[in-house]
Amino acid sequence: MTGTKHNKTAANPQGEKLQKILARGGFGSRREVEKLIAEGLVKVNGKVATLGDRALTTDTIKVRDQQVRETRLETQPTQVILYNKPEGQVCSRKDEKGRETIFSHLPRIINSRWVSVGRLDINTSGLLVLTNNGELANRMMHPSYEMEREYSVRVFGEVSDDIIKQLKKGVKLEDGWAKFDRVDKIPQQEEDSINQWYRVVIKEGRNREVRRIWESQGVQVSRLVRTRYGNFDLPRSLRRGKTQELTWKQINQLLKSVGLPEEARPDIRNRLGGASKPAAGGKRPAKTFDKSSSHSPYKGKRNGRH
């Protein structure tokens, strides 16, 4: 078999696609890794990689001239956490303006790193899903899987029935057409309030898309909270700035829902000699993640229903 330490080539046809290996190693979603490769920031066995190259985990792979440890490229058990993002935090790993980043609040992870499934802008709060499995992140964000994103939106002023119809029909933005798949008014607690709350569902994740759709109709968004991503609701018990882990069963439900193979139960994996790292931070999954609980964030497969 090729790819030994003494017989390496720049691109190994017997290996996996390079972007898949690096995504699995936590270097970002597959799309983000493809961008790194296109920018010439990835090398395999001393040569700059190109899109379409394949490699083995035993090859010498460098990202931004930093060698990637072989243990990081090995398949790690999939981990998934939910994070309740407060306003004022950015979803970048490092911020040029020195603003607070979500990654400083996440549990430590071994031989990998957290990949955010979609982003929220600095003024948006609510649910973020993060995983160490780059392929899983890629599929959850890809339009073909039509993962629903649900938001609670507070808007200023009157919203007519005609505006609601237009939001569902579609509006033209600078980067293409966009629409909400669902718009529901949330009952007012204060009848005289000039602010109104709506619940909206969208199947895309373009930059500031929810805000821009409302603004196209002259409606100002004063607060935006993501309450659901795919089958996961923001747990009621999850405080802002805190995380909760998914159980092994919930992770397998998620993997299965996007066409990825399920993984062995941790105790069985240990007996087979596979990776046996504890869940992120070494903590036990929160009890509220039990699927039988009314507060469980995992709803099960929705089959396109809202």
Protein backbone atom coordinates (compact mmCIF):
# COMPACT_ATOMS: atom_id res chain seq x y z
CA MET A 1 0.00 0.00 0.00
CA THR A 2 1.31 3.44 -0.87
CA GLY A 3 1.51 6.36 1.49
CA THR A 4 4.17 4.98 3.84
CA LYS A 5 6.66 7.35 5.41
CA HIS A 6 9.34 6.43 2.86
CA ASN A 7 7.16 6.38 -0.27
CA LYS A 8 4.91 9.38 -0.58
CA THR A 9 3.49 11.27 -3.51
CA ALA A 10 1.82 14.68 -3.63
CA ALA A 11 -1.61 13.21 -4.34
CA ASN A 12 -2.41 9.62 -3.43
CA PRO A 13 -5.11 8.10 -5.68
CA GLN A 14 -5.80 5.38 -3.10
CA GLY A 15 -6.66 7.90 -0.41
CA GLU A 16 -9.71 9.96 0.43
CA LYS A 17 -10.50 13.37 -0.97
CA LEU A 18 -8.32 15.88 0.81
CA GLN A 19 -11.19 18.19 1.72
CA LYS A 20 -13.02 15.29 3.34
CA ILE A 21 -10.01 14.34 5.47
CA LEU A 22 -9.43 17.91 6.65
CA ALA A 23 -13.12 18.54 7.29
CA ARG A 24 -13.19 15.42 9.44
CA GLY A 25 -10.15 16.78 11.26
CA GLY A 26 -12.08 19.88 12.17
CA PHE A 27 -10.56 22.40 9.76
CA GLY A 28 -14.00 23.62 8.80
CA SER A 29 -16.87 22.43 6.66
CA ARG A 30 -15.98 20.77 3.38
CA ARG A 31 -16.74 24.04 1.59
CA GLU A 32 -14.44 25.97 3.91
CA VAL A 33 -11.63 23.43 3.39
CA GLU A 34 -12.08 23.64 -0.38
CA LYS A 35 -11.48 27.38 -0.08
CA LEU A 36 -8.24 26.74 1.85
CA ILE A 37 -7.08 24.37 -0.90
CA ALA A 38 -8.04 26.81 -3.68
CA GLU A 39 -6.02 29.53 -1.93
CA GLY A 40 -2.92 27.29 -1.94
CA LEU A 41 -2.82 26.99 1.86
CA VAL A 42 -2.71 23.18 1.94
CA LYS A 43 0.30 21.01 1.11
CA VAL A 44 0.57 17.24 0.77
CA ASN A 45 4.05 15.76 1.08
CA GLY A 46 5.66 19.13 0.41
CA LYS A 47 3.63 20.05 -2.67
CA VAL A 48 0.76 22.55 -2.86
CA ALA A 49 -2.50 20.64 -3.11
CA THR A 50 -5.21 21.30 -5.69
CA LEU A 51 -8.92 20.63 -5.60
CA GLY A 52 -9.62 16.97 -6.31
CA ASP A 53 -6.40 15.68 -4.72
CA ARG A 54 -6.59 12.59 -2.54
CA ALA A 55 -4.42 11.66 0.42
CA LEU A 56 -3.92 9.17 3.22
CA THR A 57 -3.87 10.06 6.89
CA THR A 58 -0.26 8.82 6.92
CA ASP A 59 0.77 11.45 4.36
CA THR A 60 2.43 14.65 5.52
CA ILE A 61 -0.30 17.28 5.33
CA LYS A 62 0.22 20.92 6.20
CA VAL A 63 -2.36 23.68 6.56
CA ARG A 64 -0.93 27.19 6.49
CA ASP A 65 2.55 25.59 6.77
CA GLN A 66 1.61 23.90 10.06
CA GLN A 67 1.86 20.11 9.97
CA VAL A 68 -1.34 18.34 10.92
CA ARG A 69 -0.89 15.53 13.44
CA GLU A 70 -1.80 12.12 12.08
CA THR A 71 -3.97 11.47 15.14
CA ARG A 72 -6.09 14.47 14.23
CA LEU A 73 -6.74 13.11 10.74
CA GLU A 74 -7.92 9.75 12.03
CA THR A 75 -11.66 9.30 12.25
CA GLN A 76 -12.80 10.65 15.62
CA PRO A 77 -16.13 9.86 17.30
CA THR A 78 -18.66 12.46 16.22
CA GLN A 79 -19.47 15.00 18.89
CA VAL A 80 -22.26 17.58 18.70
CA ILE A 81 -23.12 20.39 21.09
CA LEU A 82 -25.83 23.03 21.22
CA TYR A 83 -24.80 26.55 22.22
CA ASN A 84 -27.07 29.39 23.30
CA LYS A 85 -25.33 32.37 21.73
CA PRO A 86 -25.80 35.76 23.39
CA GLU A 87 -25.86 38.99 21.45
CA GLY A 88 -22.46 40.64 21.18
CA GLN A 89 -20.47 37.52 20.29
CA VAL A 90 -19.11 36.75 16.82
CA CYS A 91 -18.90 33.31 15.22
CA SER A 92 -15.34 33.74 13.93
CA ARG A 93 -12.43 32.00 15.65
CA LYS A 94 -10.51 35.25 15.78
CA ASP A 95 -11.93 38.73 15.37
CA GLU A 96 -9.84 41.53 13.90
CA LYS A 97 -11.73 44.04 16.04
CA GLY A 98 -11.05 42.11 19.22
CA ARG A 99 -14.70 41.29 19.86
CA GLU A 100 -15.76 38.33 21.96
CA THR A 101 -15.99 35.05 20.03
CA ILE A 102 -18.20 32.04 20.69
CA PHE A 103 -15.20 29.70 20.58
CA SER A 104 -13.85 31.04 23.87
CA HIS A 105 -16.96 29.65 25.58
CA LEU A 106 -16.93 26.12 24.14
CA PRO A 107 -15.65 22.99 25.90
CA ARG A 108 -12.20 21.70 25.02
CA ILE A 109 -12.09 19.01 22.35
CA ILE A 110 -9.24 16.54 21.74
CA ASN A 111 -7.58 15.91 18.34
CA SER A 112 -10.15 18.05 16.55
CA ARG A 113 -11.94 21.37 16.72
CA TRP A 114 -15.48 22.65 16.75
CA VAL A 115 -17.11 23.55 13.43
CA SER A 116 -20.12 25.85 13.56
CA VAL A 117 -23.14 24.68 11.55
CA GLY A 118 -24.07 28.03 10.08
CA ARG A 119 -23.50 31.36 11.77
CA LEU A 120 -25.38 34.07 13.60
CA ASP A 121 -24.39 37.72 13.25
CA ILE A 122 -23.21 39.70 16.26
CA ASN A 123 -26.67 41.13 16.99
CA THR A 124 -28.49 37.79 16.72
CA SER A 125 -28.82 35.38 19.63
CA GLY A 126 -30.05 31.82 20.05
CA LEU A 127 -29.26 28.32 18.90
CA LEU A 128 -25.98 27.31 17.32
CA VAL A 129 -25.15 23.68 16.51
CA LEU A 130 -21.44 22.77 16.55
CA THR A 131 -19.70 19.50 15.71
CA ASN A 132 -16.22 18.08 15.20
CA ASN A 133 -17.48 16.24 12.09
CA GLY A 134 -16.88 18.53 9.09
CA GLU A 135 -18.84 16.32 6.69
CA LEU A 136 -21.84 16.40 9.02
CA ALA A 137 -21.60 20.20 9.23
CA ASN A 138 -21.40 20.44 5.45
CA ARG A 139 -24.53 18.36 4.93
CA MET A 140 -26.51 20.22 7.58
CA MET A 141 -25.75 23.51 5.81
CA HIS A 142 -26.15 22.29 2.23
CA PRO A 143 -29.37 23.53 0.55
CA SER A 144 -30.15 20.05 -0.83
CA TYR A 145 -30.94 18.78 2.69
CA GLU A 146 -33.36 21.69 3.29
CA MET A 147 -32.62 22.02 6.99
CA GLU A 148 -35.15 24.42 8.46
CA ARG A 149 -34.00 27.38 10.54
CA GLU A 150 -36.66 28.88 12.80
CA TYR A 151 -36.42 32.35 14.32
CA SER A 152 -38.41 34.54 16.67
CA VAL A 153 -38.33 38.06 15.24
CA ARG A 154 -39.35 41.32 16.90
CA VAL A 155 -40.20 44.00 14.36
CA PHE A 156 -41.06 47.66 14.75
CA GLY A 157 -44.36 48.99 13.40
CA GLU A 158 -47.30 47.61 11.48
CA VAL A 159 -47.05 44.55 9.25
CA SER A 160 -49.90 44.24 6.76
CA ASP A 161 -51.34 41.05 5.29
CA ASP A 162 -49.87 42.08 1.93
CA ILE A 163 -46.38 42.21 3.45
CA ILE A 164 -46.82 38.73 4.96
CA LYS A 165 -47.93 37.38 1.57
CA GLN A 166 -44.88 38.93 -0.11
CA LEU A 167 -42.51 37.48 2.50
CA LYS A 168 -43.87 34.00 1.70
CA LYS A 169 -43.95 34.55 -2.06
CA GLY A 170 -40.39 35.83 -2.25
CA VAL A 171 -38.43 39.06 -2.42
CA LYS A 172 -35.48 40.09 -4.58
CA LEU A 173 -32.27 40.68 -2.62
CA GLU A 174 -28.87 41.75 -3.96
CA ASP A 175 -27.73 38.09 -3.96
CA GLY A 176 -30.90 36.53 -5.37
CA TRP A 177 -34.46 35.68 -4.45
CA ALA A 178 -35.36 34.75 -0.88
CA LYS A 179 -38.49 33.88 1.05
CA PHE A 180 -39.84 32.53 4.31
CA ASP A 181 -41.46 29.10 4.19
CA ARG A 182 -43.61 30.09 7.12
CA VAL A 183 -44.57 33.32 8.91
CA ASP A 184 -46.71 33.23 12.07
CA LYS A 185 -47.58 36.09 14.34
CA ILE A 186 -46.85 35.44 18.01
CA PRO A 187 -49.71 36.65 20.24
CA GLN A 188 -49.02 40.03 21.83
CA GLN A 189 -48.81 40.25 25.61
CA GLU A 190 -49.11 44.04 25.48
CA GLU A 191 -51.84 45.13 23.09
CA ASP A 192 -50.55 48.70 22.83
CA SER A 193 -46.96 47.74 22.02
CA ILE A 194 -45.54 49.10 18.75
CA ASN A 195 -43.28 46.04 18.56
CA GLN A 196 -44.65 42.77 17.23
CA TRP A 197 -43.19 39.27 17.42
CA TYR A 198 -43.26 36.79 14.52
CA ARG A 199 -42.05 33.23 14.11
CA VAL A 200 -40.43 32.60 10.71
CA VAL A 201 -38.98 29.49 9.05
CA ILE A 202 -36.37 29.56 6.30
CA LYS A 203 -34.33 26.81 4.61
CA GLU A 204 -31.26 28.87 3.72
CA GLY A 205 -28.48 30.48 5.69
CA ARG A 206 -27.19 33.42 3.67
CA ASN A 207 -25.58 36.34 5.46
CA ARG A 208 -28.17 38.35 7.47
CA GLU A 209 -30.87 36.85 5.26
CA VAL A 210 -33.74 37.01 7.76
CA ARG A 211 -33.08 40.67 8.52
CA ARG A 212 -32.70 41.56 4.84
CA ILE A 213 -35.97 39.89 3.87
CA TRP A 214 -37.89 41.98 6.41
CA GLU A 215 -35.98 45.14 5.52
CA SER A 216 -36.89 44.70 1.83
CA GLN A 217 -40.47 45.50 2.90
CA GLY A 218 -39.48 48.53 4.93
CA VAL A 219 -39.82 46.66 8.23
CA GLN A 220 -37.14 47.14 10.88
CA VAL A 221 -35.99 44.12 12.92
CA SER A 222 -35.24 45.10 16.51
CA ARG A 223 -34.45 41.62 17.85
CA LEU A 224 -33.70 38.23 16.31
CA VAL A 225 -33.42 34.87 18.08
CA ARG A 226 -32.84 31.50 16.42
CA THR A 227 -34.97 28.94 18.21
CA ARG A 228 -34.50 25.85 16.01
CA TYR A 229 -32.05 24.37 13.51
CA GLY A 230 -33.28 21.29 11.68
CA ASN A 231 -34.64 18.88 14.28
CA PHE A 232 -33.08 20.68 17.24
CA ASP A 233 -34.92 23.20 19.38
CA LEU A 234 -33.16 25.63 21.68
CA PRO A 235 -33.55 23.85 25.07
CA ARG A 236 -35.51 25.88 27.60
CA SER A 237 -33.01 25.00 30.30
CA LEU A 238 -29.96 26.10 28.27
CA ARG A 239 -28.75 29.44 29.59
CA ARG A 240 -27.08 32.02 27.38
CA GLY A 241 -23.39 31.41 26.87
CA LYS A 242 -23.72 27.73 27.86
CA THR A 243 -23.55 24.45 25.94
CA GLN A 244 -25.25 21.06 26.08
CA GLU A 245 -23.99 17.84 24.53
CA LEU A 246 -25.96 15.42 22.41
CA THR A 247 -26.09 11.80 23.43
CA TRP A 248 -24.71 8.99 21.29
CA LYS A 249 -28.25 8.03 20.22
CA GLN A 250 -29.13 11.57 19.21
CA ILE A 251 -25.91 11.90 17.22
CA ASN A 252 -26.71 8.72 15.33
CA GLN A 253 -30.22 10.01 14.59
CA LEU A 254 -28.65 13.14 13.17
CA LEU A 255 -26.04 11.24 11.13
CA LYS A 256 -28.73 9.00 9.70
CA SER A 257 -30.97 11.96 8.79
CA VAL A 258 -28.30 13.34 6.41
CA GLY A 259 -27.25 10.00 4.94
CA LEU A 260 -24.09 9.40 7.00
CA PRO A 261 -23.30 6.05 8.64
CA GLU A 262 -24.16 5.56 12.29
CA GLU A 263 -21.34 5.09 14.76
CA ALA A 264 -20.73 2.32 17.28
CA ARG A 265 -21.82 2.83 20.86
CA PRO A 266 -18.88 4.25 22.88
CA ASP A 267 -18.45 1.18 25.10
CA ILE A 268 -18.46 -1.14 22.05
CA ARG A 269 -16.02 1.15 20.25
CA ASN A 270 -13.69 0.90 23.23
CA ARG A 271 -13.72 -2.91 23.13
CA LEU A 272 -12.96 -2.83 19.41
CA GLY A 273 -9.92 -0.69 20.05
CA GLY A 274 -11.31 2.44 18.42
CA ALA A 275 -11.12 6.00 19.62
CA SER A 276 -12.39 6.24 23.17
CA LYS A 277 -12.34 9.93 23.94
CA PRO A 278 -14.92 11.17 26.42
CA ALA A 279 -17.60 13.62 25.35
CA ALA A 280 -16.51 17.23 25.04
CA GLY A 281 -15.11 18.51 28.29
CA GLY A 282 -15.45 15.05 29.84
CA LYS A 283 -18.97 15.83 31.07
CA ARG A 284 -21.96 13.55 30.99
CA PRO A 285 -24.76 14.52 28.60
CA ALA A 286 -27.46 16.66 30.18
CA LYS A 287 -30.52 14.75 31.33
CA THR A 288 -32.77 17.11 29.40
CA PHE A 289 -31.46 15.47 26.24
CA ASP A 290 -33.43 12.29 26.90
CA LYS A 291 -35.67 11.90 23.85
CA SER A 292 -38.63 11.03 26.07
CA SER A 293 -38.36 14.37 27.84
CA SER A 294 -40.73 17.16 26.83
CA HIS A 295 -37.73 19.48 26.82
CA SER A 296 -35.59 17.37 24.49
CA PRO A 297 -34.10 19.49 21.71
CA TYR A 298 -34.28 16.58 19.27
CA LYS A 299 -37.66 16.29 17.59
CA GLY A 300 -36.98 13.34 15.33
CA LYS A 301 -37.26 13.50 11.55
CA ARG A 302 -39.94 15.93 10.40
CA ASN A 303 -40.27 14.76 6.77
CA GLY A 304 -40.64 18.33 5.59
CA ARG A 305 -43.48 19.24 7.97
CA HIS A 306 -43.35 22.39 10.07
